[in-house]
Protein backbone atom coordinates (compact mmCIF):
# COMPACT_ATOMS: atom_id res chain seq x y z
CA MET A 1 -44.29 7.20 -45.74
CA THR A 2 -44.56 5.95 -49.27
CA ARG A 3 -42.78 2.90 -50.59
CA SER A 4 -40.38 4.94 -52.75
CA GLY A 5 -39.63 7.24 -49.77
CA PHE A 6 -38.85 4.21 -47.59
CA ARG A 7 -36.58 2.71 -50.29
CA ARG A 8 -34.56 5.89 -50.48
CA TRP A 9 -34.28 6.14 -46.73
CA SER A 10 -33.30 2.54 -46.20
CA GLY A 11 -30.81 2.70 -49.12
CA GLY A 12 -29.09 5.65 -47.45
CA ILE A 13 -28.85 3.70 -44.20
CA ALA A 14 -27.38 0.67 -45.95
CA LEU A 15 -24.81 2.88 -47.73
CA ALA A 16 -23.83 4.64 -44.45
CA GLY A 17 -23.42 1.19 -42.78
CA ALA A 18 -21.24 -0.11 -45.59
CA ILE A 19 -19.05 2.97 -45.36
CA MET A 20 -18.64 2.58 -41.61
CA ILE A 21 -17.75 -1.07 -41.92
CA GLY A 22 -15.24 -0.39 -44.66
CA ALA A 23 -13.70 2.42 -42.63
CA GLY A 24 -13.32 0.23 -39.60
CA THR A 25 -11.23 -2.37 -41.37
CA ALA A 26 -8.68 0.06 -42.77
CA GLU A 27 -5.46 0.15 -40.85
CA VAL A 28 -4.45 3.72 -40.12
CA SER A 29 -1.59 4.41 -37.73
CA ALA A 30 -0.33 7.85 -36.91
CA THR A 31 3.02 8.41 -35.31
CA PRO A 32 2.41 10.23 -32.03
CA LEU A 33 4.21 13.52 -31.64
CA THR A 34 5.92 13.78 -28.30
CA PRO A 35 6.84 17.41 -27.41
CA PHE A 36 9.51 18.22 -24.85
CA ARG A 37 10.38 21.37 -22.99
CA TYR A 38 14.14 20.76 -23.04
CA GLU A 39 16.39 19.59 -25.84
CA ALA A 40 18.12 17.00 -23.66
CA GLN A 41 14.75 15.29 -22.93
CA ALA A 42 13.91 15.05 -26.64
CA GLN A 43 17.38 13.65 -27.37
CA ARG A 44 16.90 10.90 -24.73
CA HIS A 45 13.54 10.08 -26.33
CA CYS A 46 15.00 9.68 -29.81
CA PRO A 47 18.72 8.88 -29.46
CA HIS A 48 19.20 7.89 -33.09
CA ASP A 49 17.37 10.92 -34.57
CA LYS A 50 17.97 14.64 -34.72
CA VAL A 51 16.07 17.00 -32.44
CA VAL A 52 14.25 19.95 -34.00
CA TRP A 53 12.31 22.91 -32.61
CA LEU A 54 8.67 22.75 -33.73
CA ASP A 55 6.66 25.95 -33.87
CA PHE A 56 3.09 24.74 -33.48
CA ARG A 57 1.52 28.05 -34.47
CA LYS A 58 3.31 28.17 -37.83
CA GLY A 59 3.53 24.42 -38.39
CA ILE A 60 7.28 24.67 -39.15
CA TYR A 61 10.29 23.01 -37.60
CA TYR A 62 13.76 24.47 -37.28
CA ARG A 63 16.98 22.47 -37.12
CA LYS A 64 19.84 23.23 -34.66
CA GLY A 65 21.82 26.16 -35.93
CA GLN A 66 18.90 28.00 -37.48
CA LYS A 67 18.00 31.40 -36.11
CA ARG A 68 14.73 30.45 -34.57
CA TYR A 69 15.76 27.14 -33.09
CA GLY A 70 14.55 27.02 -29.49
CA GLN A 71 12.82 30.42 -29.77
CA GLY A 72 9.25 31.34 -28.99
CA PHE A 73 6.43 30.35 -26.67
CA ASP A 74 4.42 28.29 -29.16
CA GLY A 75 6.87 25.48 -29.70
CA SER A 76 8.63 22.40 -28.29
CA PHE A 77 11.55 20.18 -28.97
CA VAL A 78 10.58 17.02 -30.93
CA CYS A 79 12.25 14.27 -33.00
CA LEU A 80 12.80 15.08 -36.67
CA ASN A 81 11.01 11.89 -37.89
CA GLU A 82 8.00 12.60 -35.71
CA ALA A 83 7.74 16.10 -37.11
CA ARG A 84 8.01 14.81 -40.65
CA ASP A 85 5.43 12.05 -39.98
CA GLY A 86 3.10 14.68 -38.64
CA PHE A 87 3.37 16.58 -41.90
CA TYR A 88 5.08 19.66 -40.44
CA ARG A 89 7.18 21.64 -42.86
CA ARG A 90 10.88 22.40 -42.57
CA SER A 91 11.97 26.01 -42.32
CA VAL A 92 13.37 27.65 -45.41
CA LEU A 93 15.55 29.88 -43.30
CA GLY A 94 19.19 29.12 -43.75
CA LEU A 95 21.63 27.91 -41.18
CA ARG A 96 23.79 30.37 -39.26
């Protein structure tokens, strides 16, 4: 290996190390999403928040009173704030 090849290689290693060290010090916290099978379970988990139906396949949540609330096999009941913090979108379908 030539000197210039070694310098490029060692420079890349130093850059990767600096990125890893910088990434390790950043504080990143994600709110965990806790899915529930039944609405009452979700309401006990978040008593001061609204419960929504989250369709995981579509990435959309429905509020109580909307047509698809509690419908489907690819969803669960979750807290509204957890769904929002998880960057799920609200449904644009109107309330009944």
